[in-house]
Amino acid sequence: MAMSSDNILYQMLTVRDVSRILNIHVNTVRRWADKGILRAYRITNRGDRRFKKEDIDHFLDELNNNGGDPQKAFLTNDGLSDNY
């Protein structure tokens, strides 16, 4: 059964959601998204950011595996870390 686009957006995380999960400021989430450290999806004409839960979970795994350094845990365009 196909999901509607509204349902998919409802399941995505907001900047605030991600900031709470990662325990960082909302501006840090935005900055990391702009730098490509976190993968964000732009929605609406305003360009609001949304994040997939699985991307944030993967980022947390990479962060834990790389000593807490977000620069080493960033996601590439294919959603996989450069660190193997």
PDB file of N, CA and C in Angstrom:
ATOM      1  N   MET A   1       0.830  -1.177   0.000  1.00  0.00           N
ATOM      2  CA  MET A   1       0.000   0.000   0.000  1.00  0.00           C
ATOM      3  C   MET A   1       0.880   1.247   0.000  1.00  0.00           C
ATOM      4  N   ALA A   2       0.643   2.159  -0.925  1.00  0.00           N
ATOM      5  CA  ALA A   2       1.450   3.365  -1.065  1.00  0.00           C
ATOM      6  C   ALA A   2       1.072   4.380   0.007  1.00  0.00           C
ATOM      7  N   MET A   3       2.077   5.114   0.467  1.00  0.00           N
ATOM      8  CA  MET A   3       1.844   6.160   1.463  1.00  0.00           C
ATOM      9  C   MET A   3       1.619   7.480   0.753  1.00  0.00           C
ATOM     10  N   SER A   4       0.736   8.300   1.268  1.00  0.00           N
ATOM     11  CA  SER A   4       0.544   9.629   0.702  1.00  0.00           C
ATOM     12  C   SER A   4       1.699  10.523   1.129  1.00  0.00           C
ATOM     13  N   SER A   5       1.927  11.591   0.372  1.00  0.00           N
ATOM     14  CA  SER A   5       3.018  12.504   0.715  1.00  0.00           C
ATOM     15  C   SER A   5       2.770  13.172   2.062  1.00  0.00           C
ATOM     16  N   ASP A   6       1.508  13.433   2.409  1.00  0.00           N
ATOM     17  CA  ASP A   6       1.199  14.015   3.722  1.00  0.00           C
ATOM     18  C   ASP A   6       1.596  13.067   4.844  1.00  0.00           C
ATOM     19  N   ASN A   7       1.348  11.781   4.658  1.00  0.00           N
ATOM     20  CA  ASN A   7       1.701  10.778   5.662  1.00  0.00           C
ATOM     21  C   ASN A   7       3.216  10.679   5.815  1.00  0.00           C
ATOM     22  N   ILE A   8       3.947  10.739   4.715  1.00  0.00           N
ATOM     23  CA  ILE A   8       5.406  10.673   4.764  1.00  0.00           C
ATOM     24  C   ILE A   8       5.955  11.884   5.518  1.00  0.00           C
ATOM     25  N   LEU A   9       5.443  13.079   5.217  1.00  0.00           N
ATOM     26  CA  LEU A   9       5.907  14.282   5.910  1.00  0.00           C
ATOM     27  C   LEU A   9       5.598  14.224   7.390  1.00  0.00           C
ATOM     28  N   TYR A  10       4.452  13.654   7.731  1.00  0.00           N
ATOM     29  CA  TYR A  10       4.068  13.540   9.134  1.00  0.00           C
ATOM     30  C   TYR A  10       5.070  12.676   9.896  1.00  0.00           C
ATOM     31  N   GLN A  11       5.646  11.698   9.235  1.00  0.00           N
ATOM     32  CA  GLN A  11       6.581  10.788   9.889  1.00  0.00           C
ATOM     33  C   GLN A  11       7.984  11.369  10.002  1.00  0.00           C
ATOM     34  N   MET A  12       8.273  12.451   9.304  1.00  0.00           N
ATOM     35  CA  MET A  12       9.601  13.035   9.331  1.00  0.00           C
ATOM     36  C   MET A  12       9.759  13.934  10.560  1.00  0.00           C
ATOM     37  N   LEU A  13      11.006  14.137  10.942  1.00  0.00           N
ATOM     38  CA  LEU A  13      11.331  14.919  12.132  1.00  0.00           C
ATOM     39  C   LEU A  13      11.573  16.379  11.775  1.00  0.00           C
ATOM     40  N   THR A  14      11.196  17.253  12.673  1.00  0.00           N
ATOM     41  CA  THR A  14      11.460  18.681  12.511  1.00  0.00           C
ATOM     42  C   THR A  14      12.847  19.007  13.067  1.00  0.00           C
ATOM     43  N   VAL A  15      13.277  20.240  12.834  1.00  0.00           N
ATOM     44  CA  VAL A  15      14.542  20.716  13.401  1.00  0.00           C
ATOM     45  C   VAL A  15      14.499  20.585  14.923  1.00  0.00           C
ATOM     46  N   ARG A  16      13.389  20.957  15.516  1.00  0.00           N
ATOM     47  CA  ARG A  16      13.258  20.867  16.973  1.00  0.00           C
ATOM     48  C   ARG A  16      13.337  19.414  17.451  1.00  0.00           C
ATOM     49  N   ASP A  17      12.678  18.506  16.732  1.00  0.00           N
ATOM     50  CA  ASP A  17      12.738  17.085  17.099  1.00  0.00           C
ATOM     51  C   ASP A  17      14.187  16.592  17.114  1.00  0.00           C
ATOM     52  N   VAL A  18      14.922  16.927  16.056  1.00  0.00           N
ATOM     53  CA  VAL A  18      16.316  16.483  15.943  1.00  0.00           C
ATOM     54  C   VAL A  18      17.172  17.111  17.034  1.00  0.00           C
ATOM     55  N   SER A  19      16.928  18.381  17.335  1.00  0.00           N
ATOM     56  CA  SER A  19      17.717  19.038  18.385  1.00  0.00           C
ATOM     57  C   SER A  19      17.514  18.352  19.728  1.00  0.00           C
ATOM     58  N   ARG A  20      16.303  17.900  19.979  1.00  0.00           N
ATOM     59  CA  ARG A  20      16.032  17.196  21.240  1.00  0.00           C
ATOM     60  C   ARG A  20      16.678  15.813  21.260  1.00  0.00           C
ATOM     61  N   ILE A  21      16.615  15.116  20.143  1.00  0.00           N
ATOM     62  CA  ILE A  21      17.223  13.778  20.065  1.00  0.00           C
ATOM     63  C   ILE A  21      18.734  13.863  20.264  1.00  0.00           C
ATOM     64  N   LEU A  22      19.366  14.851  19.608  1.00  0.00           N
ATOM     65  CA  LEU A  22      20.826  14.977  19.657  1.00  0.00           C
ATOM     66  C   LEU A  22      21.311  15.838  20.823  1.00  0.00           C
ATOM     67  N   ASN A  23      20.363  16.462  21.533  1.00  0.00           N
ATOM     68  CA  ASN A  23      20.703  17.334  22.654  1.00  0.00           C
ATOM     69  C   ASN A  23      21.624  18.475  22.219  1.00  0.00           C
ATOM     70  N   ILE A  24      21.244  19.122  21.108  1.00  0.00           N
ATOM     71  CA  ILE A  24      21.982  20.270  20.592  1.00  0.00           C
ATOM     72  C   ILE A  24      20.981  21.384  20.283  1.00  0.00           C
ATOM     73  N   HIS A  25      21.475  22.589  20.083  1.00  0.00           N
ATOM     74  CA  HIS A  25      20.626  23.741  19.783  1.00  0.00           C
ATOM     75  C   HIS A  25      20.042  23.608  18.374  1.00  0.00           C
ATOM     76  N   VAL A  26      18.861  24.174  18.173  1.00  0.00           N
ATOM     77  CA  VAL A  26      18.214  24.113  16.860  1.00  0.00           C
ATOM     78  C   VAL A  26      19.077  24.757  15.776  1.00  0.00           C
ATOM     79  N   ASN A  27      19.814  25.805  16.119  1.00  0.00           N
ATOM     80  CA  ASN A  27      20.690  26.436  15.127  1.00  0.00           C
ATOM     81  C   ASN A  27      21.840  25.525  14.732  1.00  0.00           C
ATOM     82  N   THR A  28      22.285  24.679  15.642  1.00  0.00           N
ATOM     83  CA  THR A  28      23.325  23.703  15.312  1.00  0.00           C
ATOM     84  C   THR A  28      22.771  22.675  14.335  1.00  0.00           C
ATOM     85  N   VAL A  29      21.537  22.241  14.535  1.00  0.00           N
ATOM     86  CA  VAL A  29      20.903  21.315  13.586  1.00  0.00           C
ATOM     87  C   VAL A  29      20.864  21.953  12.200  1.00  0.00           C
ATOM     88  N   ARG A  30      20.436  23.193  12.123  1.00  0.00           N
ATOM     89  CA  ARG A  30      20.364  23.890  10.833  1.00  0.00           C
ATOM     90  C   ARG A  30      21.745  24.010  10.192  1.00  0.00           C
ATOM     91  N   ARG A  31      22.741  24.386  10.987  1.00  0.00           N
ATOM     92  CA  ARG A  31      24.104  24.550  10.470  1.00  0.00           C
ATOM     93  C   ARG A  31      24.653  23.224   9.973  1.00  0.00           C
ATOM     94  N   TRP A  32      24.453  22.139  10.757  1.00  0.00           N
ATOM     95  CA  TRP A  32      24.929  20.825  10.340  1.00  0.00           C
ATOM     96  C   TRP A  32      24.217  20.365   9.077  1.00  0.00           C
ATOM     97  N   ALA A  33      22.944  20.683   8.951  1.00  0.00           N
ATOM     98  CA  ALA A  33      22.205  20.328   7.730  1.00  0.00           C
ATOM     99  C   ALA A  33      22.762  21.106   6.539  1.00  0.00           C
ATOM    100  N   ASP A  34      23.041  22.381   6.729  1.00  0.00           N
ATOM    101  CA  ASP A  34      23.597  23.202   5.651  1.00  0.00           C
ATOM    102  C   ASP A  34      24.979  22.720   5.227  1.00  0.00           C
ATOM    103  N   LYS A  35      25.758  22.212   6.180  1.00  0.00           N
ATOM    104  CA  LYS A  35      27.108  21.700   5.885  1.00  0.00           C
ATOM    105  C   LYS A  35      27.092  20.272   5.345  1.00  0.00           C
ATOM    106  N   GLY A  36      25.934  19.610   5.405  1.00  0.00           N
ATOM    107  CA  GLY A  36      25.846  18.237   4.937  1.00  0.00           C
ATOM    108  C   GLY A  36      26.188  17.207   5.998  1.00  0.00           C
ATOM    109  N   ILE A  37      26.385  17.651   7.237  1.00  0.00           N
ATOM    110  CA  ILE A  37      26.661  16.720   8.326  1.00  0.00           C
ATOM    111  C   ILE A  37      25.411  15.891   8.611  1.00  0.00           C
ATOM    112  N   LEU A  38      24.261  16.556   8.564  1.00  0.00           N
ATOM    113  CA  LEU A  38      22.967  15.873   8.680  1.00  0.00           C
ATOM    114  C   LEU A  38      22.237  16.011   7.350  1.00  0.00           C
ATOM    115  N   ARG A  39      21.576  14.955   6.929  1.00  0.00           N
ATOM    116  CA  ARG A  39      20.795  15.015   5.693  1.00  0.00           C
ATOM    117  C   ARG A  39      19.424  15.608   6.006  1.00  0.00           C
ATOM    118  N   ALA A  40      19.098  16.692   5.314  1.00  0.00           N
ATOM    119  CA  ALA A  40      17.804  17.352   5.490  1.00  0.00           C
ATOM    120  C   ALA A  40      17.073  17.368   4.159  1.00  0.00           C
ATOM    121  N   TYR A  41      15.777  17.360   4.253  1.00  0.00           N
ATOM    122  CA  TYR A  41      14.910  17.461   3.087  1.00  0.00           C
ATOM    123  C   TYR A  41      14.162  18.775   3.204  1.00  0.00           C
ATOM    124  N   ARG A  42      14.240  19.599   2.172  1.00  0.00           N
ATOM    125  CA  ARG A  42      13.576  20.899   2.181  1.00  0.00           C
ATOM    126  C   ARG A  42      12.140  20.736   1.687  1.00  0.00           C
ATOM    127  N   ILE A  43      11.212  21.286   2.446  1.00  0.00           N
ATOM    128  CA  ILE A  43       9.804  21.233   2.070  1.00  0.00           C
ATOM    129  C   ILE A  43       9.242  22.647   2.099  1.00  0.00           C
ATOM    130  N   THR A  44       8.143  22.857   1.508  1.00  0.00           N
ATOM    131  CA  THR A  44       7.422  24.135   1.436  1.00  0.00           C
ATOM    132  C   THR A  44       8.230  25.204   0.711  1.00  0.00           C
ATOM    133  N   ASN A  45       7.571  26.270   0.371  1.00  0.00           N
ATOM    134  CA  ASN A  45       8.241  27.392  -0.304  1.00  0.00           C
ATOM    135  C   ASN A  45       9.233  28.089   0.613  1.00  0.00           C
ATOM    136  N   ARG A  46       9.009  27.991   1.931  1.00  0.00           N
ATOM    137  CA  ARG A  46       9.939  28.603   2.896  1.00  0.00           C
ATOM    138  C   ARG A  46      11.229  27.819   3.020  1.00  0.00           C
ATOM    139  N   GLY A  47      11.213  26.571   2.583  1.00  0.00           N
ATOM    140  CA  GLY A  47      12.414  25.745   2.690  1.00  0.00           C
ATOM    141  C   GLY A  47      12.587  25.105   4.050  1.00  0.00           C
ATOM    142  N   ASP A  48      11.481  24.840   4.744  1.00  0.00           N
ATOM    143  CA  ASP A  48      11.568  24.160   6.043  1.00  0.00           C
ATOM    144  C   ASP A  48      12.315  22.842   5.884  1.00  0.00           C
ATOM    145  N   ARG A  49      13.088  22.501   6.895  1.00  0.00           N
ATOM    146  CA  ARG A  49      13.856  21.263   6.868  1.00  0.00           C
ATOM    147  C   ARG A  49      13.093  20.153   7.576  1.00  0.00           C
ATOM    148  N   ARG A  50      13.201  18.946   7.035  1.00  0.00           N
ATOM    149  CA  ARG A  50      12.682  17.749   7.689  1.00  0.00           C
ATOM    150  C   ARG A  50      13.755  16.679   7.588  1.00  0.00           C
ATOM    151  N   PHE A  51      13.733  15.765   8.534  1.00  0.00           N
ATOM    152  CA  PHE A  51      14.759  14.735   8.646  1.00  0.00           C
ATOM    153  C   PHE A  51      14.098  13.374   8.786  1.00  0.00           C
ATOM    154  N   LYS A  52      14.701  12.362   8.177  1.00  0.00           N
ATOM    155  CA  LYS A  52      14.209  10.999   8.340  1.00  0.00           C
ATOM    156  C   LYS A  52      14.795  10.428   9.625  1.00  0.00           C
ATOM    157  N   LYS A  53      13.957   9.747  10.385  1.00  0.00           N
ATOM    158  CA  LYS A  53      14.398   9.146  11.653  1.00  0.00           C
ATOM    159  C   LYS A  53      15.565   8.195  11.422  1.00  0.00           C
ATOM    160  N   GLU A  54      15.492   7.401  10.352  1.00  0.00           N
ATOM    161  CA  GLU A  54      16.571   6.437  10.093  1.00  0.00           C
ATOM    162  C   GLU A  54      17.896   7.141   9.783  1.00  0.00           C
ATOM    163  N   ASP A  55      17.856   8.329   9.163  1.00  0.00           N
ATOM    164  CA  ASP A  55      19.089   9.094   8.929  1.00  0.00           C
ATOM    165  C   ASP A  55      19.686   9.564  10.247  1.00  0.00           C
ATOM    166  N   ILE A  56      18.846  10.022  11.165  1.00  0.00           N
ATOM    167  CA  ILE A  56      19.334  10.490  12.467  1.00  0.00           C
ATOM    168  C   ILE A  56      19.861   9.313  13.283  1.00  0.00           C
ATOM    169  N   ASP A  57      19.175   8.174  13.223  1.00  0.00           N
ATOM    170  CA  ASP A  57      19.659   6.970  13.918  1.00  0.00           C
ATOM    171  C   ASP A  57      21.020   6.549  13.384  1.00  0.00           C
ATOM    172  N   HIS A  58      21.178   6.580  12.064  1.00  0.00           N
ATOM    173  CA  HIS A  58      22.462   6.219  11.451  1.00  0.00           C
ATOM    174  C   HIS A  58      23.550   7.212  11.874  1.00  0.00           C
ATOM    175  N   PHE A  59      23.209   8.498  11.886  1.00  0.00           N
ATOM    176  CA  PHE A  59      24.155   9.517  12.322  1.00  0.00           C
ATOM    177  C   PHE A  59      24.602   9.262  13.760  1.00  0.00           C
ATOM    178  N   LEU A  60      23.663   8.932  14.642  1.00  0.00           N
ATOM    179  CA  LEU A  60      24.004   8.646  16.037  1.00  0.00           C
ATOM    180  C   LEU A  60      24.933   7.444  16.147  1.00  0.00           C
ATOM    181  N   ASP A  61      24.661   6.407  15.360  1.00  0.00           N
ATOM    182  CA  ASP A  61      25.543   5.234  15.348  1.00  0.00           C
ATOM    183  C   ASP A  61      26.950   5.628  14.922  1.00  0.00           C
ATOM    184  N   GLU A  62      27.044   6.399  13.851  1.00  0.00           N
ATOM    185  CA  GLU A  62      28.352   6.841  13.354  1.00  0.00           C
ATOM    186  C   GLU A  62      29.041   7.747  14.373  1.00  0.00           C
ATOM    187  N   LEU A  63      28.279   8.613  15.002  1.00  0.00           N
ATOM    188  CA  LEU A  63      28.822   9.517  16.008  1.00  0.00           C
ATOM    189  C   LEU A  63      29.427   8.719  17.163  1.00  0.00           C
ATOM    190  N   ASN A  64      28.718   7.699  17.604  1.00  0.00           N
ATOM    191  CA  ASN A  64      29.214   6.854  18.694  1.00  0.00           C
ATOM    192  C   ASN A  64      30.439   6.059  18.273  1.00  0.00           C
ATOM    193  N   ASN A  65      30.513   5.670  17.020  1.00  0.00           N
ATOM    194  CA  ASN A  65      31.647   4.893  16.522  1.00  0.00           C
ATOM    195  C   ASN A  65      32.873   5.753  16.258  1.00  0.00           C
ATOM    196  N   ASN A  66      32.705   7.068  16.196  1.00  0.00           N
ATOM    197  CA  ASN A  66      33.803   7.966  15.851  1.00  0.00           C
ATOM    198  C   ASN A  66      34.163   8.913  16.983  1.00  0.00           C
ATOM    199  N   GLY A  67      33.953   8.486  18.194  1.00  0.00           N
ATOM    200  CA  GLY A  67      34.385   9.257  19.346  1.00  0.00           C
ATOM    201  C   GLY A  67      33.629  10.559  19.558  1.00  0.00           C
ATOM    202  N   GLY A  68      32.428  10.674  19.025  1.00  0.00           N
ATOM    203  CA  GLY A  68      31.618  11.861  19.256  1.00  0.00           C
ATOM    204  C   GLY A  68      31.936  13.033  18.360  1.00  0.00           C
ATOM    205  N   ASP A  69      32.720  12.831  17.305  1.00  0.00           N
ATOM    206  CA  ASP A  69      33.084  13.918  16.398  1.00  0.00           C
ATOM    207  C   ASP A  69      32.093  13.971  15.241  1.00  0.00           C
ATOM    208  N   PRO A  70      31.225  15.001  15.201  1.00  0.00           N
ATOM    209  CA  PRO A  70      30.215  15.057  14.133  1.00  0.00           C
ATOM    210  C   PRO A  70      30.818  15.184  12.739  1.00  0.00           C
ATOM    211  N   GLN A  71      32.006  15.780  12.622  1.00  0.00           N
ATOM    212  CA  GLN A  71      32.638  15.906  11.307  1.00  0.00           C
ATOM    213  C   GLN A  71      33.014  14.536  10.737  1.00  0.00           C
ATOM    214  N   LYS A  72      33.322  13.583  11.607  1.00  0.00           N
ATOM    215  CA  LYS A  72      33.665  12.234  11.156  1.00  0.00           C
ATOM    216  C   LYS A  72      32.431  11.373  10.932  1.00  0.00           C
ATOM    217  N   ALA A  73      31.296  11.808  11.466  1.00  0.00           N
ATOM    218  CA  ALA A  73      30.079  10.997  11.398  1.00  0.00           C
ATOM    219  C   ALA A  73      29.127  11.473  10.313  1.00  0.00           C
ATOM    220  N   PHE A  74      29.514  12.483   9.538  1.00  0.00           N
ATOM    221  CA  PHE A  74      28.570  13.064   8.597  1.00  0.00           C
ATOM    222  C   PHE A  74      28.148  12.072   7.527  1.00  0.00           C
ATOM    223  N   LEU A  75      26.991  12.356   6.951  1.00  0.00           N
ATOM    224  CA  LEU A  75      26.438  11.500   5.909  1.00  0.00           C
ATOM    225  C   LEU A  75      26.806  12.048   4.541  1.00  0.00           C
ATOM    226  N   THR A  76      27.113  11.148   3.624  1.00  0.00           N
ATOM    227  CA  THR A  76      27.340  11.565   2.248  1.00  0.00           C
ATOM    228  C   THR A  76      26.000  11.635   1.539  1.00  0.00           C
ATOM    229  N   ASN A  77      26.007  11.991   0.290  1.00  0.00           N
ATOM    230  CA  ASN A  77      24.764  12.127  -0.465  1.00  0.00           C
ATOM    231  C   ASN A  77      23.989  10.828  -0.571  1.00  0.00           C
ATOM    232  N   ASP A  78      24.677   9.693  -0.480  1.00  0.00           N
ATOM    233  CA  ASP A  78      23.960   8.417  -0.585  1.00  0.00           C
ATOM    234  C   ASP A  78      23.483   7.920   0.775  1.00  0.00           C
ATOM    235  N   GLY A  79      23.686   8.730   1.819  1.00  0.00           N
ATOM    236  CA  GLY A  79      23.188   8.370   3.143  1.00  0.00           C
ATOM    237  C   GLY A  79      24.119   7.478   3.924  1.00  0.00           C
ATOM    238  N   LEU A  80      25.295   7.206   3.377  1.00  0.00           N
ATOM    239  CA  LEU A  80      26.256   6.361   4.063  1.00  0.00           C
ATOM    240  C   LEU A  80      27.435   7.193   4.503  1.00  0.00           C
ATOM    241  N   SER A  81      28.002   6.843   5.601  1.00  0.00           N
ATOM    242  CA  SER A  81      29.157   7.555   6.094  1.00  0.00           C
ATOM    243  C   SER A  81      30.351   7.263   5.207  1.00  0.00           C
ATOM    244  N   ASP A  82      31.281   8.223   5.143  1.00  0.00           N
ATOM    245  CA  ASP A  82      32.525   7.991   4.428  1.00  0.00           C
ATOM    246  C   ASP A  82      33.460   7.083   5.223  1.00  0.00           C
ATOM    247  N   ASN A  83      33.157   6.888   6.497  1.00  0.00           N
ATOM    248  CA  ASN A  83      34.009   6.081   7.362  1.00  0.00           C
ATOM    249  C   ASN A  83      33.494   4.645   7.392  1.00  0.00           C
ATOM    250  N   TYR A  84      34.309   3.720   6.968  1.00  0.00           N
ATOM    251  CA  TYR A  84      33.886   2.310   6.922  1.00  0.00           C
ATOM    252  C   TYR A  84      34.494   1.540   8.070  1.00  0.00           C
TER     253      TYR A  84
END
